[in-house]
C-alpha atoms as a PDB file:
ATOM      1  CA  MET A   1     102.355  46.270 167.828  1.00  0.00           C
ATOM      2  CA  LYS A   2     104.508  48.304 165.575  1.00  0.00           C
ATOM      3  CA  PRO A   3     102.234  49.810 162.339  1.00  0.00           C
ATOM      4  CA  GLU A   4     102.642  48.924 158.945  1.00  0.00           C
ATOM      5  CA  PRO A   5     104.809  50.810 157.399  1.00  0.00           C
ATOM      6  CA  PRO A   6     103.331  52.936 154.091  1.00  0.00           C
ATOM      7  CA  ARG A   7     102.868  51.016 151.234  1.00  0.00           C
ATOM      8  CA  PRO A   8     104.214  52.774 148.565  1.00  0.00           C
ATOM      9  CA  ARG A   9     101.775  52.561 144.375  1.00  0.00           C
ATOM     10  CA  ASP A  10     102.703  54.320 141.325  1.00  0.00           C
ATOM     11  CA  VAL A  11     101.992  57.729 140.466  1.00  0.00           C
ATOM     12  CA  ALA A  12      98.781  57.975 137.712  1.00  0.00           C
ATOM     13  CA  PRO A  13      97.351  60.996 136.089  1.00  0.00           C
ATOM     14  CA  GLY A  14      95.559  62.262 138.464  1.00  0.00           C
ATOM     15  CA  ASP A  15      98.241  62.207 140.948  1.00  0.00           C
ATOM     16  CA  VAL A  16      99.673  65.028 139.134  1.00  0.00           C
ATOM     17  CA  GLU A  17      98.183  68.250 140.921  1.00  0.00           C
ATOM     18  CA  ALA A  18      98.958  67.246 144.334  1.00  0.00           C
ATOM     19  CA  LEU A  19     102.784  66.635 143.509  1.00  0.00           C
ATOM     20  CA  ALA A  20     103.245  69.406 141.884  1.00  0.00           C
ATOM     21  CA  ARG A  21     101.774  71.213 145.291  1.00  0.00           C
ATOM     22  CA  LEU A  22     103.754  69.219 147.396  1.00  0.00           C
ATOM     23  CA  HIS A  23     107.305  69.562 145.759  1.00  0.00           C
ATOM     24  CA  ALA A  24     106.381  73.626 145.358  1.00  0.00           C
ATOM     25  CA  LEU A  25     105.879  72.945 150.117  1.00  0.00           C
ATOM     26  CA  ALA A  26     108.750  71.167 150.201  1.00  0.00           C
ATOM     27  CA  PHE A  27     111.232  73.322 147.569  1.00  0.00           C
ATOM     28  CA  PRO A  28     109.741  76.543 147.295  1.00  0.00           C
ATOM     29  CA  PHE A  29     112.937  78.414 145.879  1.00  0.00           C
ATOM     30  CA  GLU A  30     112.777  75.201 142.785  1.00  0.00           C
ATOM     31  CA  PRO A  31     109.531  74.119 142.731  1.00  0.00           C
ATOM     32  CA  TRP A  32     108.617  71.721 139.989  1.00  0.00           C
ATOM     33  CA  ASP A  33     105.126  72.920 137.991  1.00  0.00           C
ATOM     34  CA  ARG A  34     102.310  70.775 136.518  1.00  0.00           C
ATOM     35  CA  ASN A  35     103.637  70.348 133.537  1.00  0.00           C
ATOM     36  CA  SER A  36     106.752  69.339 134.605  1.00  0.00           C
ATOM     37  CA  LEU A  37     105.558  66.236 136.671  1.00  0.00           C
ATOM     38  CA  ALA A  38     103.308  65.364 134.234  1.00  0.00           C
ATOM     39  CA  SER A  39     106.220  65.023 131.286  1.00  0.00           C
ATOM     40  CA  LEU A  40     108.627  63.028 134.243  1.00  0.00           C
ATOM     41  CA  VAL A  41     106.196  61.176 135.459  1.00  0.00           C
ATOM     42  CA  ALA A  42     105.396  60.020 131.433  1.00  0.00           C
ATOM     43  CA  LEU A  43     109.079  58.969 130.501  1.00  0.00           C
ATOM     44  CA  PRO A  44     109.473  54.808 129.894  1.00  0.00           C
ATOM     45  CA  ALA A  45     112.723  54.547 132.629  1.00  0.00           C
ATOM     46  CA  MET A  46     110.839  56.876 134.937  1.00  0.00           C
ATOM     47  CA  ARG A  47     109.754  54.934 138.358  1.00  0.00           C
ATOM     48  CA  ALA A  48     106.875  57.405 139.807  1.00  0.00           C
ATOM     49  CA  ARG A  49     106.005  57.110 143.988  1.00  0.00           C
ATOM     50  CA  VAL A  50     103.805  58.164 146.322  1.00  0.00           C
ATOM     51  CA  ILE A  51     101.861  57.292 149.182  1.00  0.00           C
ATOM     52  CA  ASP A  52      99.093  58.423 149.888  1.00  0.00           C
ATOM     53  CA  GLY A  53      98.223  60.236 153.196  1.00  0.00           C
ATOM     54  CA  ALA A  54      94.203  61.335 154.491  1.00  0.00           C
ATOM     55  CA  GLN A  55      91.834  61.884 151.134  1.00  0.00           C
ATOM     56  CA  ARG A  56      93.955  60.506 149.318  1.00  0.00           C
ATOM     57  CA  ALA A  57      96.740  63.469 149.629  1.00  0.00           C
ATOM     58  CA  PRO A  58     100.646  62.401 148.662  1.00  0.00           C
ATOM     59  CA  SER A  59     101.565  61.838 151.862  1.00  0.00           C
ATOM     60  CA  GLY A  60     105.543  61.234 150.318  1.00  0.00           C
ATOM     61  CA  PHE A  61     106.813  61.144 146.000  1.00  0.00           C
ATOM     62  CA  LEU A  62     109.084  59.614 144.529  1.00  0.00           C
ATOM     63  CA  LEU A  63     110.622  60.247 140.749  1.00  0.00           C
ATOM     64  CA  ALA A  64     113.190  58.113 139.649  1.00  0.00           C
ATOM     65  CA  LEU A  65     114.723  57.775 136.580  1.00  0.00           C
ATOM     66  CA  VAL A  66     115.716  53.214 136.007  1.00  0.00           C
ATOM     67  CA  VAL A  67     118.547  53.093 133.065  1.00  0.00           C
ATOM     68  CA  ALA A  68     121.159  51.839 131.812  1.00  0.00           C
ATOM     69  CA  GLY A  69     122.471  49.960 134.528  1.00  0.00           C
ATOM     70  CA  GLU A  70     121.691  53.074 137.524  1.00  0.00           C
ATOM     71  CA  ALA A  71     118.863  54.122 139.279  1.00  0.00           C
ATOM     72  CA  GLU A  72     118.772  58.134 139.999  1.00  0.00           C
ATOM     73  CA  ILE A  73     117.306  60.010 142.880  1.00  0.00           C
ATOM     74  CA  LEU A  74     115.627  63.101 140.512  1.00  0.00           C
ATOM     75  CA  THR A  75     113.019  63.601 143.438  1.00  0.00           C
ATOM     76  CA  LEU A  76     112.790  62.469 146.964  1.00  0.00           C
ATOM     77  CA  CYS A  77     109.815  65.419 149.435  1.00  0.00           C
ATOM     78  CA  VAL A  78     107.722  64.044 152.329  1.00  0.00           C
ATOM     79  CA  ALA A  79     104.669  66.502 153.170  1.00  0.00           C
ATOM     80  CA  PRO A  80     105.634  67.956 156.542  1.00  0.00           C
ATOM     81  CA  ASP A  81     103.067  66.725 159.165  1.00  0.00           C
ATOM     82  CA  ALA A  82     103.931  63.874 157.479  1.00  0.00           C
ATOM     83  CA  ARG A  83     107.919  63.871 158.262  1.00  0.00           C
ATOM     84  CA  ARG A  84     109.620  61.784 160.060  1.00  0.00           C
ATOM     85  CA  ARG A  85     106.212  58.815 160.091  1.00  0.00           C
ATOM     86  CA  GLY A  86     108.837  57.050 157.663  1.00  0.00           C
ATOM     87  CA  VAL A  87     107.403  57.793 154.173  1.00  0.00           C
ATOM     88  CA  ALA A  88     110.904  58.948 153.067  1.00  0.00           C
ATOM     89  CA  ARG A  89     111.635  55.400 154.409  1.00  0.00           C
ATOM     90  CA  ALA A  90     109.487  53.443 152.324  1.00  0.00           C
ATOM     91  CA  LEU A  91     109.248  55.562 149.676  1.00  0.00           C
ATOM     92  CA  LEU A  92     113.267  54.642 148.931  1.00  0.00           C
ATOM     93  CA  ALA A  93     112.885  50.490 150.069  1.00  0.00           C
ATOM     94  CA  ASP A  94     110.490  50.259 147.536  1.00  0.00           C
ATOM     95  CA  LEU A  95     113.211  51.929 145.287  1.00  0.00           C
ATOM     96  CA  ALA A  96     115.473  49.488 145.904  1.00  0.00           C
ATOM     97  CA  ALA A  97     113.630  47.232 145.553  1.00  0.00           C
ATOM     98  CA  LEU A  98     112.378  48.374 141.665  1.00  0.00           C
ATOM     99  CA  ALA A  99     116.654  49.213 141.161  1.00  0.00           C
ATOM    100  CA  ARG A 100     117.276  45.687 142.822  1.00  0.00           C
ATOM    101  CA  GLU A 101     115.442  44.306 139.612  1.00  0.00           C
ATOM    102  CA  ALA A 102     116.225  46.377 136.796  1.00  0.00           C
ATOM    103  CA  LYS A 103     119.375  44.765 138.037  1.00  0.00           C
ATOM    104  CA  ALA A 104     120.712  48.249 138.418  1.00  0.00           C
ATOM    105  CA  PRO A 105     123.892  48.000 140.678  1.00  0.00           C
ATOM    106  CA  ARG A 106     122.934  51.860 142.260  1.00  0.00           C
ATOM    107  CA  LEU A 107     121.343  54.036 143.152  1.00  0.00           C
ATOM    108  CA  VAL A 108     122.847  57.933 143.259  1.00  0.00           C
ATOM    109  CA  LEU A 109     120.983  60.992 143.336  1.00  0.00           C
ATOM    110  CA  GLU A 110     121.940  65.225 145.089  1.00  0.00           C
ATOM    111  CA  VAL A 111     120.300  66.926 147.949  1.00  0.00           C
ATOM    112  CA  ALA A 112     122.315  69.807 148.940  1.00  0.00           C
ATOM    113  CA  ALA A 113     124.390  70.168 151.811  1.00  0.00           C
ATOM    114  CA  ASP A 114     122.893  72.375 154.240  1.00  0.00           C
ATOM    115  CA  ASN A 115     119.927  70.110 154.390  1.00  0.00           C
ATOM    116  CA  GLY A 116     121.198  68.499 156.881  1.00  0.00           C
ATOM    117  CA  PRO A 117     117.749  66.185 158.280  1.00  0.00           C
ATOM    118  CA  ALA A 118     118.495  64.702 154.004  1.00  0.00           C
ATOM    119  CA  LEU A 119     121.754  63.997 154.498  1.00  0.00           C
ATOM    120  CA  LYS A 120     121.537  62.114 157.653  1.00  0.00           C
ATOM    121  CA  LEU A 121     118.737  60.426 156.276  1.00  0.00           C
ATOM    122  CA  TYR A 122     120.379  58.542 153.671  1.00  0.00           C
ATOM    123  CA  ALA A 123     123.606  58.318 155.200  1.00  0.00           C
ATOM    124  CA  SER A 124     120.960  55.999 157.954  1.00  0.00           C
ATOM    125  CA  CYS A 125     119.506  54.376 154.573  1.00  0.00           C
ATOM    126  CA  GLY A 126     123.004  53.188 153.008  1.00  0.00           C
ATOM    127  CA  PHE A 127     124.050  56.416 151.182  1.00  0.00           C
ATOM    128  CA  ALA A 128     127.418  57.656 150.590  1.00  0.00           C
ATOM    129  CA  PRO A 129     128.838  60.837 149.283  1.00  0.00           C
ATOM    130  CA  ILE A 130     130.852  60.336 146.116  1.00  0.00           C
ATOM    131  CA  GLY A 131     130.949  63.642 144.908  1.00  0.00           C
ATOM    132  CA  ARG A 132     130.114  67.510 145.435  1.00  0.00           C
ATOM    133  CA  ARG A 133     128.840  69.510 142.599  1.00  0.00           C
ATOM    134  CA  ALA A 134     130.076  73.774 144.092  1.00  0.00           C
ATOM    135  CA  GLY A 135     126.966  76.004 143.976  1.00  0.00           C
ATOM    136  CA  TYR A 136     124.484  73.956 142.538  1.00  0.00           C
ATOM    137  CA  TYR A 137     120.914  74.821 144.544  1.00  0.00           C
ATOM    138  CA  ARG A 138     119.974  78.214 143.892  1.00  0.00           C
ATOM    139  CA  ARG A 139     117.378  79.913 146.416  1.00  0.00           C
ATOM    140  CA  GLY A 140     116.543  82.943 145.957  1.00  0.00           C
ATOM    141  CA  ASP A 141     118.309  86.645 147.154  1.00  0.00           C
ATOM    142  CA  ALA A 142     120.657  83.859 149.445  1.00  0.00           C
ATOM    143  CA  PRO A 143     124.095  82.525 148.151  1.00  0.00           C
ATOM    144  CA  PRO A 144     124.260  79.497 146.262  1.00  0.00           C
ATOM    145  CA  VAL A 145     124.510  75.561 147.870  1.00  0.00           C
ATOM    146  CA  ASP A 146     126.185  72.921 147.597  1.00  0.00           C
ATOM    147  CA  ALA A 147     124.796  70.010 146.361  1.00  0.00           C
ATOM    148  CA  VAL A 148     126.376  66.392 147.732  1.00  0.00           C
ATOM    149  CA  MET A 149     126.615  63.528 145.188  1.00  0.00           C
ATOM    150  CA  LEU A 150     125.530  60.783 147.029  1.00  0.00           C
ATOM    151  CA  ALA A 151     125.952  56.712 146.343  1.00  0.00           C
ATOM    152  CA  ARG A 152     124.271  53.123 147.793  1.00  0.00           C
ATOM    153  CA  GLU A 153     125.350  50.448 145.804  1.00  0.00           C
ATOM    154  CA  PHE A 154     123.354  46.987 145.945  1.00  0.00           C
END
């Protein structure tokens, strides 16, 4: 019997500290601190979803704005020890359902051009490239990396 996929839930105010730690792990050159995440989660149009792991530590989370007929993923983070276990797919499927309920015809996001695993995941979930932002991501002293803009139409 195949294990049941992880189930997302709404982010609660008490989750923000742990989400900030996870974001720093996933994006060490561009981490969002607790205050930034708390402000984002509080936005009325924000869909903030988390999947719990062991001891209720987050396995992954997703923040997306769903407004004006579009859903934009701001961040998707998965803990290193939870990768390749369906967490990102569950979060993306959950957001797709929320976006459809809100009558958003598509999901959009940006991902670093050198993030092969993320690009492969998004392609397998129906996202396609729609543009590119040159030098969008800064990573310390390394050369900037382009952002690939992706969209999934419903």
